[in-house]
Amino acid sequence: METFSLKSSRCSELIDITDKVQLLVSKSGVSSGVCFVFIPHTTAGITINENADPSVRSDIEQELESIVPFEHGYSHSEGNSAAHIKASLMGFSVTLLIESGRLQLGTWQGIYFAEFDGPRTRKVWVKILANVV
């Protein structure tokens, strides 16, 4: 398993981690297999979405805030219930195929770390498995 850290700069933020994950795949030497990316935090998540137009990221952030507002009379005493809910909606892992040493993403797709309780330093765990034939 590989781990890398990243630092968010805002309370809510989608951070493109595609290149960091691809670098780990390249370093692994795996030509064909599977890459699992897991976020070990309860107020952050991960998603795959468009990486060509940055307005998509801001639209996602805006709509999540609309659906799950930061202030809403939550019971959780730490004051970050919205972050927990958004992370649960986003999910904590993605699975990607590897072929010819490259992540198999669609033309417009990228991997995004989703921060909902920042700014913070976070961890991303990556497990790369080779196909065994």
N, C-alpha and C. Protein backbone atom coordinates (compact mmCIF):
# COMPACT_ATOMS: atom_id res chain seq x y z
N MET A 1 0.84 -1.18 0.00
CA MET A 1 0.00 0.00 0.00
C MET A 1 0.88 1.24 0.00
N GLU A 2 0.48 2.22 -0.77
CA GLU A 2 1.16 3.51 -0.82
C GLU A 2 0.27 4.55 -0.16
N THR A 3 0.89 5.57 0.40
CA THR A 3 0.16 6.66 1.04
C THR A 3 0.77 7.98 0.61
N PHE A 4 -0.07 8.96 0.37
CA PHE A 4 0.45 10.31 0.19
C PHE A 4 -0.44 11.28 0.96
N SER A 5 0.12 12.42 1.28
CA SER A 5 -0.59 13.46 2.01
C SER A 5 -0.92 14.61 1.08
N LEU A 6 -1.96 15.33 1.41
CA LEU A 6 -2.27 16.55 0.69
C LEU A 6 -2.88 17.53 1.68
N LYS A 7 -2.78 18.79 1.34
CA LYS A 7 -3.28 19.85 2.21
C LYS A 7 -4.36 20.62 1.46
N SER A 8 -5.53 20.67 2.06
CA SER A 8 -6.60 21.48 1.49
C SER A 8 -6.42 22.92 1.96
N SER A 9 -6.99 23.85 1.21
CA SER A 9 -6.83 25.26 1.56
C SER A 9 -8.15 25.92 1.93
N ARG A 10 -9.27 25.22 1.72
CA ARG A 10 -10.58 25.77 2.05
C ARG A 10 -11.40 24.75 2.82
N CYS A 11 -12.52 25.20 3.38
CA CYS A 11 -13.42 24.31 4.10
C CYS A 11 -13.95 23.21 3.18
N SER A 12 -14.37 23.59 2.00
CA SER A 12 -14.90 22.65 1.01
C SER A 12 -14.11 22.83 -0.28
N GLU A 13 -13.61 21.71 -0.80
CA GLU A 13 -12.72 21.83 -1.96
C GLU A 13 -12.57 20.48 -2.64
N LEU A 14 -12.59 20.47 -3.96
CA LEU A 14 -12.29 19.27 -4.73
C LEU A 14 -10.88 19.44 -5.30
N ILE A 15 -10.00 18.50 -4.97
CA ILE A 15 -8.59 18.58 -5.35
C ILE A 15 -8.28 17.44 -6.32
N ASP A 16 -7.80 17.77 -7.49
CA ASP A 16 -7.46 16.78 -8.51
C ASP A 16 -6.21 16.01 -8.07
N ILE A 17 -6.36 14.70 -7.88
CA ILE A 17 -5.24 13.86 -7.47
C ILE A 17 -4.88 12.83 -8.54
N THR A 18 -5.42 13.00 -9.74
CA THR A 18 -5.20 12.04 -10.82
C THR A 18 -3.72 11.79 -11.08
N ASP A 19 -2.94 12.85 -11.22
CA ASP A 19 -1.51 12.70 -11.52
C ASP A 19 -0.76 11.99 -10.41
N LYS A 20 -1.11 12.26 -9.15
CA LYS A 20 -0.43 11.60 -8.02
C LYS A 20 -0.72 10.10 -8.01
N VAL A 21 -1.97 9.73 -8.30
CA VAL A 21 -2.32 8.31 -8.33
C VAL A 21 -1.65 7.64 -9.52
N GLN A 22 -1.66 8.30 -10.69
CA GLN A 22 -1.00 7.72 -11.86
C GLN A 22 0.50 7.53 -11.62
N LEU A 23 1.14 8.46 -10.94
CA LEU A 23 2.56 8.33 -10.62
C LEU A 23 2.82 7.07 -9.79
N LEU A 24 1.96 6.80 -8.83
CA LEU A 24 2.11 5.59 -8.02
C LEU A 24 1.92 4.33 -8.86
N VAL A 25 0.97 4.37 -9.79
CA VAL A 25 0.76 3.24 -10.70
C VAL A 25 2.01 3.04 -11.55
N SER A 26 2.55 4.11 -12.09
CA SER A 26 3.76 4.02 -12.92
C SER A 26 4.94 3.46 -12.13
N LYS A 27 5.13 3.95 -10.91
CA LYS A 27 6.23 3.48 -10.07
C LYS A 27 6.07 2.01 -9.69
N SER A 28 4.83 1.53 -9.62
CA SER A 28 4.58 0.15 -9.21
C SER A 28 5.05 -0.85 -10.26
N GLY A 29 5.10 -0.42 -11.51
CA GLY A 29 5.48 -1.33 -12.58
C GLY A 29 4.35 -2.24 -13.03
N VAL A 30 3.17 -2.08 -12.47
CA VAL A 30 2.02 -2.92 -12.83
C VAL A 30 1.52 -2.48 -14.20
N SER A 31 1.44 -3.44 -15.12
CA SER A 31 0.98 -3.15 -16.46
C SER A 31 -0.53 -3.33 -16.58
N SER A 32 -1.05 -4.36 -15.93
CA SER A 32 -2.47 -4.65 -15.98
C SER A 32 -2.94 -5.04 -14.59
N GLY A 33 -3.99 -4.37 -14.10
CA GLY A 33 -4.46 -4.69 -12.76
C GLY A 33 -5.55 -3.75 -12.31
N VAL A 34 -5.57 -3.54 -11.00
CA VAL A 34 -6.60 -2.71 -10.38
C VAL A 34 -5.94 -1.78 -9.38
N CYS A 35 -6.44 -0.56 -9.30
CA CYS A 35 -5.97 0.44 -8.35
C CYS A 35 -7.13 0.85 -7.46
N PHE A 36 -6.96 0.67 -6.16
CA PHE A 36 -7.96 1.09 -5.19
C PHE A 36 -7.45 2.35 -4.51
N VAL A 37 -8.29 3.36 -4.42
CA VAL A 37 -7.94 4.60 -3.73
C VAL A 37 -8.95 4.77 -2.60
N PHE A 38 -8.45 4.90 -1.37
CA PHE A 38 -9.30 4.97 -0.18
C PHE A 38 -8.95 6.21 0.63
N ILE A 39 -9.97 6.86 1.14
CA ILE A 39 -9.81 8.05 1.98
C ILE A 39 -10.13 7.67 3.42
N PRO A 40 -9.13 7.67 4.33
CA PRO A 40 -9.34 7.22 5.70
C PRO A 40 -9.80 8.35 6.64
N HIS A 41 -10.79 9.11 6.20
CA HIS A 41 -11.29 10.24 6.99
C HIS A 41 -12.82 10.24 6.92
N THR A 42 -13.47 10.74 7.96
CA THR A 42 -14.94 10.75 7.99
C THR A 42 -15.55 12.05 7.50
N THR A 43 -14.72 13.05 7.23
CA THR A 43 -15.23 14.33 6.72
C THR A 43 -14.61 14.70 5.38
N ALA A 44 -14.12 13.70 4.68
CA ALA A 44 -13.57 13.88 3.33
C ALA A 44 -13.94 12.64 2.52
N GLY A 45 -13.98 12.79 1.22
CA GLY A 45 -14.33 11.67 0.36
C GLY A 45 -13.55 11.70 -0.93
N ILE A 46 -14.04 10.94 -1.90
CA ILE A 46 -13.37 10.84 -3.20
C ILE A 46 -14.42 10.61 -4.27
N THR A 47 -14.13 11.14 -5.45
CA THR A 47 -15.04 10.93 -6.58
C THR A 47 -14.25 10.98 -7.89
N ILE A 48 -14.87 10.49 -8.93
CA ILE A 48 -14.35 10.62 -10.29
C ILE A 48 -15.35 11.48 -11.05
N ASN A 49 -14.84 12.54 -11.70
CA ASN A 49 -15.73 13.42 -12.44
C ASN A 49 -14.93 14.17 -13.49
N GLU A 50 -15.58 15.09 -14.18
CA GLU A 50 -14.94 15.84 -15.26
C GLU A 50 -13.77 16.66 -14.75
N ASN A 51 -12.66 16.62 -15.50
CA ASN A 51 -11.50 17.43 -15.13
C ASN A 51 -11.09 18.40 -16.24
N ALA A 52 -11.95 18.61 -17.21
CA ALA A 52 -11.62 19.54 -18.30
C ALA A 52 -12.06 20.96 -17.98
N ASP A 53 -13.20 21.11 -17.36
CA ASP A 53 -13.76 22.43 -17.06
C ASP A 53 -13.83 22.60 -15.55
N PRO A 54 -13.02 23.50 -14.98
CA PRO A 54 -13.00 23.69 -13.53
C PRO A 54 -14.34 24.14 -12.93
N SER A 55 -15.24 24.68 -13.76
CA SER A 55 -16.52 25.11 -13.23
C SER A 55 -17.36 23.92 -12.74
N VAL A 56 -17.07 22.73 -13.25
CA VAL A 56 -17.79 21.54 -12.78
C VAL A 56 -17.51 21.33 -11.29
N ARG A 57 -16.25 21.50 -10.89
CA ARG A 57 -15.90 21.35 -9.47
C ARG A 57 -16.68 22.36 -8.62
N SER A 58 -16.69 23.60 -9.03
CA SER A 58 -17.39 24.61 -8.23
C SER A 58 -18.90 24.35 -8.22
N ASP A 59 -19.44 23.85 -9.33
CA ASP A 59 -20.87 23.51 -9.37
C ASP A 59 -21.18 22.38 -8.39
N ILE A 60 -20.33 21.37 -8.33
CA ILE A 60 -20.53 20.27 -7.39
C ILE A 60 -20.48 20.79 -5.96
N GLU A 61 -19.47 21.59 -5.65
CA GLU A 61 -19.35 22.15 -4.30
C GLU A 61 -20.59 22.98 -3.95
N GLN A 62 -21.05 23.80 -4.88
CA GLN A 62 -22.20 24.67 -4.65
C GLN A 62 -23.46 23.85 -4.41
N GLU A 63 -23.69 22.83 -5.21
CA GLU A 63 -24.90 22.03 -5.05
C GLU A 63 -24.87 21.19 -3.77
N LEU A 64 -23.70 20.66 -3.41
CA LEU A 64 -23.61 19.93 -2.15
C LEU A 64 -23.92 20.85 -0.97
N GLU A 65 -23.44 22.09 -1.04
CA GLU A 65 -23.74 23.06 0.03
C GLU A 65 -25.23 23.37 0.07
N SER A 66 -25.87 23.41 -1.09
CA SER A 66 -27.30 23.65 -1.15
C SER A 66 -28.09 22.49 -0.55
N ILE A 67 -27.67 21.28 -0.85
CA ILE A 67 -28.35 20.08 -0.35
C ILE A 67 -28.09 19.85 1.13
N VAL A 68 -26.82 20.07 1.54
CA VAL A 68 -26.41 19.84 2.92
C VAL A 68 -25.72 21.11 3.43
N PRO A 69 -26.50 22.09 3.89
CA PRO A 69 -25.89 23.35 4.34
C PRO A 69 -25.05 23.17 5.59
N PHE A 70 -24.02 23.99 5.71
CA PHE A 70 -23.11 23.91 6.85
C PHE A 70 -23.85 24.12 8.16
N GLU A 71 -24.73 25.11 8.20
CA GLU A 71 -25.55 25.38 9.39
C GLU A 71 -26.96 24.87 9.15
N HIS A 72 -27.40 23.93 9.99
CA HIS A 72 -28.74 23.39 9.78
C HIS A 72 -29.31 22.80 11.08
N GLY A 73 -28.77 23.23 12.22
CA GLY A 73 -29.28 22.74 13.49
C GLY A 73 -28.94 21.29 13.79
N TYR A 74 -27.79 20.84 13.32
CA TYR A 74 -27.37 19.46 13.55
C TYR A 74 -27.08 19.22 15.04
N SER A 75 -27.16 17.98 15.48
CA SER A 75 -26.92 17.62 16.88
C SER A 75 -25.45 17.39 17.21
N HIS A 76 -24.66 17.00 16.24
CA HIS A 76 -23.25 16.66 16.47
C HIS A 76 -22.51 17.85 17.09
N SER A 77 -21.89 17.63 18.22
CA SER A 77 -21.31 18.73 19.00
C SER A 77 -20.08 19.38 18.38
N GLU A 78 -19.39 18.70 17.48
CA GLU A 78 -18.20 19.28 16.87
C GLU A 78 -18.53 20.34 15.82
N GLY A 79 -19.77 20.39 15.39
CA GLY A 79 -20.16 21.41 14.42
C GLY A 79 -19.80 21.10 12.99
N ASN A 80 -19.47 19.84 12.70
CA ASN A 80 -19.09 19.49 11.32
C ASN A 80 -19.97 18.37 10.74
N SER A 81 -21.21 18.30 11.18
CA SER A 81 -22.11 17.26 10.66
C SER A 81 -22.28 17.34 9.15
N ALA A 82 -22.35 18.55 8.62
CA ALA A 82 -22.50 18.69 7.17
C ALA A 82 -21.34 18.01 6.44
N ALA A 83 -20.14 18.13 6.99
CA ALA A 83 -18.97 17.49 6.38
C ALA A 83 -19.10 15.97 6.41
N HIS A 84 -19.59 15.42 7.51
CA HIS A 84 -19.79 13.97 7.61
C HIS A 84 -20.82 13.49 6.58
N ILE A 85 -21.89 14.25 6.45
CA ILE A 85 -22.96 13.86 5.52
C ILE A 85 -22.46 13.93 4.08
N LYS A 86 -21.79 15.03 3.72
CA LYS A 86 -21.27 15.18 2.36
C LYS A 86 -20.26 14.08 2.03
N ALA A 87 -19.39 13.75 2.97
CA ALA A 87 -18.41 12.69 2.74
C ALA A 87 -19.11 11.36 2.50
N SER A 88 -20.17 11.09 3.28
CA SER A 88 -20.92 9.85 3.09
C SER A 88 -21.60 9.82 1.73
N LEU A 89 -22.12 10.95 1.28
CA LEU A 89 -22.74 11.01 -0.04
C LEU A 89 -21.71 10.80 -1.15
N MET A 90 -20.52 11.35 -0.97
CA MET A 90 -19.47 11.26 -1.98
C MET A 90 -18.88 9.84 -2.02
N GLY A 91 -18.64 9.27 -0.85
CA GLY A 91 -18.02 7.94 -0.76
C GLY A 91 -16.55 8.06 -0.38
N PHE A 92 -15.99 6.94 0.06
CA PHE A 92 -14.64 6.93 0.60
C PHE A 92 -13.63 6.14 -0.24
N SER A 93 -14.09 5.57 -1.36
CA SER A 93 -13.15 4.82 -2.19
C SER A 93 -13.60 4.81 -3.65
N VAL A 94 -12.62 4.64 -4.52
CA VAL A 94 -12.87 4.40 -5.94
C VAL A 94 -11.96 3.26 -6.39
N THR A 95 -12.41 2.55 -7.40
CA THR A 95 -11.65 1.45 -7.98
C THR A 95 -11.43 1.77 -9.45
N LEU A 96 -10.17 1.68 -9.87
CA LEU A 96 -9.83 1.99 -11.25
C LEU A 96 -9.10 0.82 -11.89
N LEU A 97 -9.35 0.62 -13.16
CA LEU A 97 -8.63 -0.40 -13.92
C LEU A 97 -7.30 0.16 -14.40
N ILE A 98 -6.32 -0.71 -14.52
CA ILE A 98 -5.00 -0.36 -15.06
C ILE A 98 -4.75 -1.22 -16.29
N GLU A 99 -4.41 -0.60 -17.40
CA GLU A 99 -4.00 -1.30 -18.61
C GLU A 99 -2.82 -0.57 -19.22
N SER A 100 -1.83 -1.30 -19.66
CA SER A 100 -0.61 -0.73 -20.24
C SER A 100 0.03 0.29 -19.29
N GLY A 101 -0.08 0.02 -17.99
CA GLY A 101 0.53 0.88 -16.98
C GLY A 101 -0.18 2.20 -16.75
N ARG A 102 -1.38 2.36 -17.31
CA ARG A 102 -2.12 3.62 -17.20
C ARG A 102 -3.48 3.39 -16.56
N LEU A 103 -3.90 4.36 -15.74
CA LEU A 103 -5.26 4.33 -15.21
C LEU A 103 -6.23 4.44 -16.37
N GLN A 104 -7.27 3.65 -16.34
CA GLN A 104 -8.26 3.68 -17.40
C GLN A 104 -9.41 4.61 -17.00
N LEU A 105 -9.25 5.86 -17.37
CA LEU A 105 -10.26 6.90 -17.13
C LEU A 105 -10.82 7.36 -18.46
N GLY A 106 -12.06 7.81 -18.45
CA GLY A 106 -12.65 8.37 -19.65
C GLY A 106 -11.95 9.65 -20.06
N THR A 107 -12.19 10.08 -21.27
CA THR A 107 -11.52 11.25 -21.85
C THR A 107 -11.55 12.46 -20.92
N TRP A 108 -12.66 12.70 -20.28
CA TRP A 108 -12.82 13.91 -19.48
C TRP A 108 -12.71 13.65 -17.97
N GLN A 109 -12.40 12.43 -17.57
CA GLN A 109 -12.44 12.09 -16.14
C GLN A 109 -11.14 12.35 -15.41
N GLY A 110 -11.29 12.73 -14.14
CA GLY A 110 -10.18 12.87 -13.21
C GLY A 110 -10.61 12.36 -11.85
N ILE A 111 -9.64 12.12 -10.99
CA ILE A 111 -9.90 11.64 -9.62
C ILE A 111 -9.81 12.84 -8.69
N TYR A 112 -10.84 13.02 -7.87
CA TYR A 112 -10.88 14.18 -6.98
C TYR A 112 -11.00 13.78 -5.52
N PHE A 113 -10.06 14.29 -4.72
CA PHE A 113 -10.20 14.24 -3.27
C PHE A 113 -11.20 15.33 -2.90
N ALA A 114 -12.18 14.98 -2.07
CA ALA A 114 -13.24 15.91 -1.71
C ALA A 114 -13.12 16.30 -0.23
N GLU A 115 -12.67 17.51 0.00
CA GLU A 115 -12.52 18.04 1.37
C GLU A 115 -13.83 18.72 1.77
N PHE A 116 -14.30 18.41 2.99
CA PHE A 116 -15.51 19.04 3.49
C PHE A 116 -15.35 19.63 4.89
N ASP A 117 -14.15 19.56 5.45
CA ASP A 117 -13.92 20.06 6.82
C ASP A 117 -12.52 20.65 6.93
N GLY A 118 -12.13 21.42 5.92
CA GLY A 118 -10.78 21.95 5.87
C GLY A 118 -10.69 23.35 6.42
N PRO A 119 -9.54 23.92 6.22
CA PRO A 119 -8.34 23.31 5.63
C PRO A 119 -7.67 22.34 6.59
N ARG A 120 -7.15 21.27 6.03
CA ARG A 120 -6.49 20.21 6.80
C ARG A 120 -5.44 19.51 5.95
N THR A 121 -4.57 18.80 6.64
CA THR A 121 -3.66 17.88 5.96
C THR A 121 -4.32 16.50 6.03
N ARG A 122 -4.43 15.85 4.90
CA ARG A 122 -5.14 14.57 4.80
C ARG A 122 -4.25 13.50 4.20
N LYS A 123 -4.68 12.26 4.36
CA LYS A 123 -3.98 11.10 3.79
C LYS A 123 -4.85 10.48 2.69
N VAL A 124 -4.19 9.91 1.72
CA VAL A 124 -4.84 9.13 0.67
C VAL A 124 -4.10 7.80 0.61
N TRP A 125 -4.85 6.70 0.70
CA TRP A 125 -4.25 5.38 0.63
C TRP A 125 -4.51 4.79 -0.75
N VAL A 126 -3.49 4.18 -1.34
CA VAL A 126 -3.59 3.61 -2.67
C VAL A 126 -3.04 2.18 -2.64
N LYS A 127 -3.85 1.25 -3.14
CA LYS A 127 -3.43 -0.15 -3.23
C LYS A 127 -3.51 -0.57 -4.70
N ILE A 128 -2.40 -1.06 -5.21
CA ILE A 128 -2.31 -1.45 -6.62
C ILE A 128 -2.08 -2.96 -6.68
N LEU A 129 -2.95 -3.65 -7.41
CA LEU A 129 -2.85 -5.10 -7.55
C LEU A 129 -2.66 -5.46 -9.01
N ALA A 130 -1.70 -6.32 -9.28
CA ALA A 130 -1.45 -6.77 -10.63
C ALA A 130 -2.35 -7.96 -10.96
N ASN A 131 -2.77 -8.04 -12.22
CA ASN A 131 -3.49 -9.24 -12.66
C ASN A 131 -2.53 -10.42 -12.62
N VAL A 132 -3.02 -11.53 -12.13
CA VAL A 132 -2.22 -12.75 -12.10
C VAL A 132 -2.83 -13.72 -13.09
N VAL A 133 -2.05 -14.09 -14.09
CA VAL A 133 -2.56 -14.97 -15.14
C VAL A 133 -1.92 -16.33 -15.03
